[in-house]
Amino acid sequence: MSNLHNESTGPEGTIPVDEAIAMTQNWRAYIGTSKERFSAQSYLIPIIDFKNILKYNPDAENVRAYIGLENVNDPMSSKLIFVPIVDGKDVIYKSTSENPELSSETDSNIYDVTKVCPPFCDVNDSPLNQ
């Protein structure tokens, strides 16, 4: 769920659920119709994603990573979208506020602040990028 400014109502690192849905649909549409080569090599993932996944989902047994595109025609707008898994199911909404007045069962529990390489690559020429 997002607010009027399309910002996530979940903790830092989350994105609105409707944005995540659109991005994963963009990815499937791109892969299904594009003849272009997908050239992303890696993704830079802020540690806050992992910290908040663990903080707000202590019962999660896994995290599922989806691939999404911010722009359906631009493969370099790709993102990794992280969703905690409980009992084998995606937990896309979760109450995350300790303040009941601010808490909502529709807070986003989908994380993504990732950046694609290139251009966000290891500046030390990691052998993993070669």
Protein backbone atom coordinates (compact mmCIF):
# COMPACT_ATOMS: atom_id res chain seq x y z
CA MET A 1 0.00 0.00 0.00
CA SER A 2 1.26 3.47 -0.72
CA ASN A 3 0.31 6.94 0.40
CA LEU A 4 -0.79 9.84 -1.80
CA HIS A 5 2.80 10.44 -2.94
CA ASN A 6 3.27 6.76 -3.97
CA GLU A 7 5.67 6.23 -1.08
CA SER A 8 5.67 3.01 0.90
CA THR A 9 3.98 3.01 4.28
CA GLY A 10 6.33 0.25 5.42
CA PRO A 11 9.79 0.53 6.99
CA GLU A 12 12.83 2.00 5.26
CA GLY A 13 13.78 -0.01 2.22
CA THR A 14 10.21 -1.03 1.30
CA ILE A 15 8.39 -0.02 -1.86
CA PRO A 16 4.65 0.22 -2.45
CA VAL A 17 3.04 -3.12 -3.27
CA ASP A 18 1.35 -1.76 -6.40
CA GLU A 19 4.74 -0.51 -7.63
CA ALA A 20 6.29 -3.95 -7.07
CA ILE A 21 3.44 -5.62 -8.95
CA ALA A 22 3.87 -3.23 -11.90
CA MET A 23 7.64 -3.79 -11.96
CA THR A 24 7.38 -7.59 -12.00
CA GLN A 25 4.73 -7.39 -14.73
CA ASN A 26 7.08 -5.12 -16.72
CA TRP A 27 9.86 -7.70 -16.37
CA ARG A 28 7.68 -10.56 -17.63
CA ALA A 29 6.43 -8.42 -20.54
CA TYR A 30 9.97 -7.42 -21.48
CA ILE A 31 11.35 -10.97 -21.36
CA GLY A 32 8.37 -12.28 -23.31
CA THR A 33 8.69 -9.81 -26.19
CA SER A 34 12.20 -8.36 -26.33
CA LYS A 35 14.91 -9.57 -28.60
CA GLU A 36 17.50 -7.50 -26.71
CA ARG A 37 20.16 -9.09 -24.54
CA PHE A 38 19.72 -8.59 -20.80
CA SER A 39 23.06 -7.14 -19.72
CA ALA A 40 22.75 -6.50 -15.98
CA GLN A 41 25.72 -8.07 -14.22
CA SER A 42 24.86 -7.56 -10.57
CA TYR A 43 22.82 -5.51 -8.12
CA LEU A 44 23.92 -3.25 -5.29
CA ILE A 45 21.67 -4.01 -2.30
CA PRO A 46 21.55 -1.65 0.69
CA ILE A 47 22.08 -3.47 3.98
CA ILE A 48 18.95 -1.75 5.41
CA ASP A 49 16.85 -4.11 3.27
CA PHE A 50 18.28 -7.11 5.09
CA LYS A 51 18.19 -5.47 8.51
CA ASN A 52 14.52 -4.55 8.19
CA ILE A 53 13.54 -7.89 6.68
CA LEU A 54 15.02 -9.59 9.74
CA LYS A 55 13.65 -7.00 12.19
CA TYR A 56 10.05 -7.06 10.96
CA ASN A 57 9.92 -10.71 9.88
CA PRO A 58 11.60 -12.78 12.61
CA ASP A 59 9.41 -15.76 11.66
CA ALA A 60 10.47 -15.73 7.98
CA GLU A 61 12.24 -18.85 6.82
CA ASN A 62 13.29 -17.47 3.40
CA VAL A 63 13.32 -14.40 1.20
CA ARG A 64 12.14 -14.58 -2.39
CA ALA A 65 13.79 -12.25 -4.95
CA TYR A 66 11.71 -11.15 -7.91
CA ILE A 67 13.08 -9.31 -10.91
CA GLY A 68 11.26 -6.15 -11.93
CA LEU A 69 11.63 -3.28 -14.37
CA GLU A 70 10.80 0.30 -13.50
CA ASN A 71 10.41 1.00 -17.24
CA VAL A 72 8.93 -1.80 -19.37
CA ASN A 73 11.22 -0.88 -22.30
CA ASP A 74 14.48 -0.41 -20.41
CA PRO A 75 16.27 -3.54 -19.20
CA MET A 76 18.75 -1.41 -17.27
CA SER A 77 15.92 -0.16 -15.05
CA SER A 78 15.85 -3.65 -13.55
CA LYS A 79 15.55 -4.11 -9.80
CA LEU A 80 15.55 -7.00 -7.37
CA ILE A 81 12.45 -7.04 -5.20
CA PHE A 82 12.70 -8.91 -1.89
CA VAL A 83 9.71 -10.51 -0.16
CA PRO A 84 9.92 -12.39 3.16
CA ILE A 85 8.49 -15.92 3.09
CA VAL A 86 6.52 -17.48 5.96
CA ASP A 87 5.11 -20.99 5.65
CA GLY A 88 6.10 -21.00 1.97
CA LYS A 89 4.04 -17.90 1.14
CA ASP A 90 4.99 -14.32 0.21
CA VAL A 91 4.22 -11.89 3.04
CA ILE A 92 3.69 -8.67 1.08
CA TYR A 93 1.77 -6.76 3.77
CA LYS A 94 2.66 -6.56 7.43
CA SER A 95 2.04 -4.26 10.35
CA THR A 96 5.48 -2.82 11.07
CA SER A 97 4.92 0.11 13.41
CA GLU A 98 5.33 -0.24 17.15
CA ASN A 99 2.77 2.56 17.52
CA PRO A 100 -0.75 1.08 17.06
CA GLU A 101 -2.05 4.42 15.75
CA LEU A 102 0.49 4.37 12.92
CA SER A 103 0.39 0.63 12.32
CA SER A 104 -1.54 -0.89 9.46
CA GLU A 105 -1.93 -4.43 8.19
CA THR A 106 -1.52 -2.88 4.75
CA ASP A 107 2.04 -1.62 5.32
CA SER A 108 4.29 -2.77 2.50
CA ASN A 109 6.63 -5.63 3.39
CA ILE A 110 8.31 -5.61 -0.04
CA TYR A 111 11.89 -4.36 -0.13
CA ASP A 112 13.86 -2.75 -2.93
CA VAL A 113 16.38 0.00 -3.07
CA THR A 114 18.68 -1.98 -5.36
CA LYS A 115 20.79 -0.49 -8.13
CA VAL A 116 21.88 -2.36 -11.23
CA CYS A 117 25.43 -2.86 -12.50
CA PRO A 118 26.32 -1.24 -14.80
CA PRO A 119 26.56 1.56 -13.82
CA PHE A 120 26.69 0.71 -10.08
CA CYS A 121 29.57 -1.78 -10.33
CA ASP A 122 32.51 -2.63 -8.12
CA VAL A 123 34.99 0.17 -8.71
CA ASN A 124 37.83 -2.23 -7.93
CA ASP A 125 37.06 -4.42 -10.97
CA SER A 126 35.76 -7.45 -9.11
CA PRO A 127 36.51 -10.72 -10.90
CA LEU A 128 32.81 -11.45 -10.51
CA ASN A 129 32.08 -8.67 -13.03
CA GLN A 130 34.51 -9.92 -15.68
